[in-house]
């Protein structure tokens, strides 16, 4: 029974998962991987060279060179100021993202499997995706204040709509023939949901969870800049007021690098999870 369902699931994999396999770095073999790495290194070298030439270190307020930016990054890191600020902001990010997932995943599953839930909640999810969230911050500030809880709530609101939409889409896209086969072979509705619906929705859901992390990062930065903060937003505002362009760029680079690493880890976890459950 389980083998029959698994074979059917293999044939009915989502296009997103197949596209991911076709475009993954290893699909073109080792030569393609090295070419891709070489292209990335070359493009980064060109960007850094242009940046270095375009920079001007004659005044602190001017657009900084690469060397001045890296020097400021080293100073901020060595003093402990940047790591403390990053950790403070990360508490907002991780807590808000975790709460967002705890709400969005069950809601997405409910919307994907129930027309009633889909009709009831889809308008709100759509509005959350369409409205500029920065316009909502003054409302949240008036209701909840300027503290940590409001910053966490902003991250939650940035996370929920994208994860919910992805999970609901993956759950609702189960092919009709696979659904009928699962009803014939599965012992119960819960067994069918666990062994067929969830496995089918997994690739799309994991992609949505990863994109939700990207939007959570954006929400964290916006909350840091527009609400009272002791993290990244605080030191960024301070050095901007000091007209220290090198420090401002260094802080921005630290945020970008952290986001790149977090999304890279999420991507690796996504691939590992898909390989774990995908039939051979």
Protein backbone atom coordinates (compact mmCIF):
# COMPACT_ATOMS: atom_id res chain seq x y z
CA UNK A 1 0.00 0.00 0.00
CA UNK A 2 2.62 2.49 1.09
CA UNK A 3 4.84 1.54 -1.87
CA UNK A 4 1.99 2.22 -4.31
CA UNK A 5 1.31 5.64 -2.84
CA UNK A 6 4.99 6.47 -2.79
CA UNK A 7 5.35 5.62 -6.48
CA UNK A 8 2.36 7.78 -7.31
CA UNK A 9 3.81 10.64 -5.29
CA UNK A 10 7.07 10.35 -7.19
CA UNK A 11 5.20 10.84 -10.47
CA UNK A 12 3.20 13.74 -9.08
CA UNK A 13 6.04 15.80 -7.69
CA UNK A 14 5.52 19.50 -7.89
CA UNK A 15 7.10 21.42 -10.79
CA UNK A 16 8.94 23.60 -8.29
CA UNK A 17 10.81 20.60 -6.94
CA UNK A 18 11.73 19.37 -10.42
CA UNK A 19 12.91 22.81 -11.44
CA UNK A 20 15.02 22.98 -8.31
CA UNK A 21 16.72 19.70 -9.24
CA UNK A 22 17.33 20.84 -12.79
CA UNK A 23 18.87 24.13 -11.75
CA UNK A 24 20.84 22.98 -8.71
CA UNK A 25 24.60 23.62 -8.75
CA UNK A 26 25.41 19.90 -8.98
CA UNK A 27 23.11 19.19 -11.96
CA UNK A 28 25.71 20.26 -14.49
CA UNK A 29 28.45 18.17 -12.92
CA UNK A 30 31.66 19.22 -11.27
CA UNK A 31 32.70 21.41 -14.21
CA UNK A 32 29.51 23.45 -14.00
CA UNK A 33 30.01 23.89 -10.25
CA UNK A 34 33.53 25.25 -10.72
CA UNK A 35 32.37 27.54 -13.52
CA UNK A 36 29.61 28.91 -11.35
CA UNK A 37 32.00 29.51 -8.45
CA UNK A 38 34.50 31.19 -10.77
CA UNK A 39 31.81 33.46 -12.19
CA UNK A 40 30.69 34.51 -8.71
CA UNK A 41 34.27 35.24 -7.62
CA UNK A 42 34.98 37.22 -10.79
CA UNK A 43 31.81 39.30 -10.46
CA UNK A 44 32.57 40.00 -6.78
CA UNK A 45 36.11 41.09 -7.69
CA UNK A 46 34.77 43.49 -10.35
CA UNK A 47 32.23 45.00 -7.93
CA UNK A 48 34.87 45.46 -5.21
CA UNK A 49 37.30 47.05 -7.67
CA UNK A 50 34.67 49.53 -8.89
CA UNK A 51 33.70 50.27 -5.30
CA UNK A 52 37.31 50.90 -4.29
CA UNK A 53 37.87 53.27 -7.22
CA UNK A 54 34.59 55.13 -6.68
CA UNK A 55 35.17 55.61 -2.94
CA UNK A 56 36.54 58.78 -1.41
CA UNK A 57 38.24 58.76 2.00
CA UNK A 58 39.12 62.46 2.03
CA UNK A 59 36.15 63.14 4.33
CA UNK A 60 34.34 60.88 6.78
CA UNK A 61 30.93 61.64 5.27
CA UNK A 62 31.94 60.70 1.72
CA UNK A 63 31.18 57.38 0.08
CA UNK A 64 33.75 55.05 1.68
CA UNK A 65 36.24 52.84 -0.09
CA UNK A 66 36.31 49.09 0.47
CA UNK A 67 39.37 49.39 2.68
CA UNK A 68 37.77 52.02 4.93
CA UNK A 69 34.59 49.98 5.20
CA UNK A 70 36.49 46.83 6.14
CA UNK A 71 38.56 48.78 8.67
CA UNK A 72 35.37 50.11 10.28
CA UNK A 73 33.92 46.60 10.27
CA UNK A 74 36.99 45.29 12.06
CA UNK A 75 36.92 48.08 14.65
CA UNK A 76 33.21 47.60 15.39
CA UNK A 77 33.66 43.84 15.69
CA UNK A 78 36.81 43.98 17.81
CA UNK A 79 35.21 46.42 20.24
CA UNK A 80 32.25 44.07 20.69
CA UNK A 81 29.78 46.79 19.71
CA UNK A 82 28.62 45.12 16.50
CA UNK A 83 28.31 41.55 17.89
CA UNK A 84 26.22 42.84 20.83
CA UNK A 85 23.95 44.78 18.49
CA UNK A 86 23.56 41.83 16.13
CA UNK A 87 22.68 39.49 19.01
CA UNK A 88 20.13 41.95 20.33
CA UNK A 89 18.47 42.19 16.92
CA UNK A 90 18.66 38.44 16.38
CA UNK A 91 16.54 37.84 19.46
CA UNK A 92 13.78 39.82 17.77
CA UNK A 93 14.30 37.97 14.51
CA UNK A 94 14.35 34.41 15.85
CA UNK A 95 11.47 34.83 18.29
CA UNK A 96 9.29 36.61 15.74
CA UNK A 97 10.10 34.06 13.05
CA UNK A 98 9.34 31.13 15.37
CA UNK A 99 5.99 32.63 16.37
CA UNK A 100 5.21 33.36 12.73
CA UNK A 101 5.89 29.75 11.75
CA UNK A 102 3.81 28.46 14.66
CA UNK A 103 0.86 30.45 13.31
CA UNK A 104 1.45 30.23 9.55
CA UNK A 105 2.10 26.50 9.10
CA UNK A 106 -1.12 25.24 10.79
CA UNK A 107 -3.10 28.03 9.14
CA UNK A 108 -1.69 27.13 5.73
CA UNK A 109 -2.47 23.45 6.24
CA UNK A 110 -6.03 24.32 7.25
CA UNK A 111 -6.49 26.62 4.25
CA UNK A 112 -5.07 24.00 1.90
CA UNK A 113 -7.36 21.22 3.09
CA UNK A 114 -10.56 23.11 3.92
CA UNK A 115 -12.55 25.37 1.62
CA UNK A 116 -14.16 26.99 4.65
CA UNK A 117 -10.81 28.00 6.13
CA UNK A 118 -9.58 29.13 2.71
CA UNK A 119 -12.63 31.36 2.19
CA UNK A 120 -12.39 32.74 5.72
CA UNK A 121 -8.68 33.58 5.89
CA UNK A 122 -7.48 34.13 2.32
CA UNK A 123 -8.65 37.80 2.22
CA UNK A 124 -6.66 38.62 5.36
CA UNK A 125 -3.54 36.86 4.10
CA UNK A 126 -3.84 38.68 0.78
CA UNK A 127 -4.18 42.04 2.53
CA UNK A 128 -1.11 41.30 4.67
CA UNK A 129 0.89 40.60 1.51
CA UNK A 130 -0.40 43.64 -0.37
CA UNK A 131 -0.30 46.36 2.25
CA UNK A 132 3.02 48.19 2.86
CA UNK A 133 3.79 46.91 6.34
CA UNK A 134 5.71 50.06 7.18
CA UNK A 135 2.36 51.90 7.11
CA UNK A 136 1.10 49.61 9.90
CA UNK A 137 4.01 50.32 12.25
CA UNK A 138 2.54 53.60 13.61
CA UNK A 139 -0.65 51.69 14.48
CA UNK A 140 1.30 48.94 16.25
CA UNK A 141 3.37 51.58 18.01
CA UNK A 142 0.24 53.32 19.29
CA UNK A 143 -1.27 50.05 20.54
CA UNK A 144 1.74 48.13 21.85
CA UNK A 145 4.36 50.82 22.42
CA UNK A 146 7.96 51.00 21.21
CA UNK A 147 9.55 48.04 22.96
CA UNK A 148 10.72 44.53 22.24
CA UNK A 149 7.24 43.00 21.90
CA UNK A 150 6.31 45.43 19.12
CA UNK A 151 9.49 44.63 17.19
CA UNK A 152 8.73 40.92 17.52
CA UNK A 153 5.17 41.51 16.29
CA UNK A 154 6.47 43.29 13.19
CA UNK A 155 8.64 40.27 12.34
CA UNK A 156 5.65 37.96 12.90
CA UNK A 157 3.50 39.99 10.52
CA UNK A 158 6.22 39.92 7.86
CA UNK A 159 6.55 36.14 8.18
CA UNK A 160 2.97 34.89 8.28
CA UNK A 161 1.53 35.72 4.83
CA UNK A 162 4.33 34.21 2.73
CA UNK A 163 4.62 31.00 4.73
CA UNK A 164 0.85 30.59 4.92
CA UNK A 165 0.43 31.06 1.17
CA UNK A 166 3.18 28.56 0.31
CA UNK A 167 1.92 25.88 2.70
CA UNK A 168 -1.69 26.33 1.56
CA UNK A 169 -0.68 26.18 -2.12
CA UNK A 170 1.39 23.02 -1.64
CA UNK A 171 -1.34 21.32 0.35
CA UNK A 172 -4.15 22.23 -2.05
CA UNK A 173 -2.25 21.19 -5.20
CA UNK A 174 -2.55 17.44 -4.60
CA UNK A 175 -3.48 15.84 -7.97
CA UNK A 176 -6.95 14.34 -8.18
CA UNK A 177 -5.74 10.85 -9.18
CA UNK A 178 -3.31 10.73 -6.25
CA UNK A 179 -6.03 11.90 -3.87
CA UNK A 180 -8.40 9.20 -5.08
CA UNK A 181 -5.71 6.52 -4.82
CA UNK A 182 -4.87 7.60 -1.28
CA UNK A 183 -8.53 7.30 -0.28
CA UNK A 184 -8.57 3.76 -1.60
CA UNK A 185 -5.41 2.58 0.16
CA UNK A 186 -5.18 4.66 3.34
CA UNK A 187 -6.66 3.35 6.56
CA UNK A 188 -7.85 6.70 7.90
CA UNK A 189 -8.05 10.37 6.99
CA UNK A 190 -5.17 11.20 9.32
CA UNK A 191 -3.00 8.47 7.75
CA UNK A 192 -3.80 9.85 4.27
CA UNK A 193 -2.99 13.40 5.38
CA UNK A 194 0.31 12.39 6.98
CA UNK A 195 1.63 10.05 4.31
CA UNK A 196 0.31 11.69 1.14
CA UNK A 197 -0.79 15.30 1.55
CA UNK A 198 2.09 16.44 3.75
CA UNK A 199 4.76 14.72 1.65
CA UNK A 200 3.32 16.20 -1.52
CA UNK A 201 3.21 19.70 0.00
CA UNK A 202 6.70 19.52 1.51
CA UNK A 203 8.81 21.06 -1.31
CA UNK A 204 6.52 24.06 -1.77
CA UNK A 205 6.05 24.49 1.97
CA UNK A 206 9.79 24.45 2.67
CA UNK A 207 10.40 27.02 -0.05
CA UNK A 208 7.77 29.22 1.56
CA UNK A 209 9.35 28.76 4.98
CA UNK A 210 12.70 29.87 3.56
CA UNK A 211 11.13 32.90 1.86
CA UNK A 212 9.40 33.66 5.14
CA UNK A 213 12.83 33.87 6.77
CA UNK A 214 13.92 36.40 4.13
CA UNK A 215 10.89 38.56 4.85
CA UNK A 216 11.42 38.14 8.60
CA UNK A 217 14.90 39.63 8.12
CA UNK A 218 13.37 42.58 6.29
CA UNK A 219 10.82 43.01 9.07
CA UNK A 220 13.56 42.92 11.70
CA UNK A 221 15.51 45.69 9.97
CA UNK A 222 12.42 47.87 9.51
CA UNK A 223 11.44 47.37 13.15
CA UNK A 224 14.98 48.24 14.24
CA UNK A 225 14.97 51.47 12.25
CA UNK A 226 11.47 52.70 13.07
CA UNK A 227 11.06 51.58 16.69
CA UNK A 228 13.21 52.05 19.77
CA UNK A 229 16.07 49.58 19.56
CA UNK A 230 19.30 48.68 21.29
CA UNK A 231 20.48 46.54 18.38
CA UNK A 232 21.44 47.14 14.77
CA UNK A 233 19.02 50.03 14.42
CA UNK A 234 20.54 51.80 17.41
CA UNK A 235 24.16 51.76 16.24
CA UNK A 236 23.15 52.43 12.64
CA UNK A 237 21.27 55.56 13.74
CA UNK A 238 24.19 56.65 15.92
CA UNK A 239 26.86 56.41 13.23
CA UNK A 240 24.57 57.94 10.65
CA UNK A 241 24.20 60.91 13.01
CA UNK A 242 28.00 61.03 13.30
CA UNK A 243 28.23 61.14 9.48
CA UNK A 244 30.52 58.12 9.59
CA UNK A 245 29.81 56.54 6.22
CA UNK A 246 32.42 53.82 6.73
CA UNK A 247 30.73 52.55 9.90
CA UNK A 248 27.26 52.76 8.31
CA UNK A 249 28.41 50.67 5.35
CA UNK A 250 30.17 48.22 7.67
CA UNK A 251 26.98 47.67 9.67
CA UNK A 252 24.99 47.22 6.46
CA UNK A 253 27.50 44.65 5.23
CA UNK A 254 27.24 42.73 8.52
CA UNK A 255 23.45 42.58 8.11
CA UNK A 256 23.74 41.41 4.49
CA UNK A 257 26.29 38.72 5.35
CA UNK A 258 24.17 37.42 8.21
CA UNK A 259 21.10 37.28 5.99
CA UNK A 260 23.04 35.47 3.26
CA UNK A 261 24.33 32.89 5.72
CA UNK A 262 20.93 32.31 7.32
CA UNK A 263 19.23 31.84 3.95
CA UNK A 264 22.05 29.55 2.84
CA UNK A 265 21.57 27.38 5.92
CA UNK A 266 17.82 27.36 5.32
CA UNK A 267 18.45 26.28 1.73
CA UNK A 268 20.69 23.40 2.85
CA UNK A 269 18.11 22.29 5.42
CA UNK A 270 15.40 22.41 2.75
CA UNK A 271 17.38 20.22 0.35
CA UNK A 272 18.26 17.77 3.11
CA UNK A 273 14.63 17.44 4.19
CA UNK A 274 13.44 16.87 0.62
CA UNK A 275 16.11 14.24 -0.01
CA UNK A 276 15.15 12.56 3.26
CA UNK A 277 11.55 11.98 2.27
CA UNK A 278 11.86 11.78 -1.51
CA UNK A 279 11.64 8.24 -2.87
CA UNK A 280 14.73 6.85 -4.57
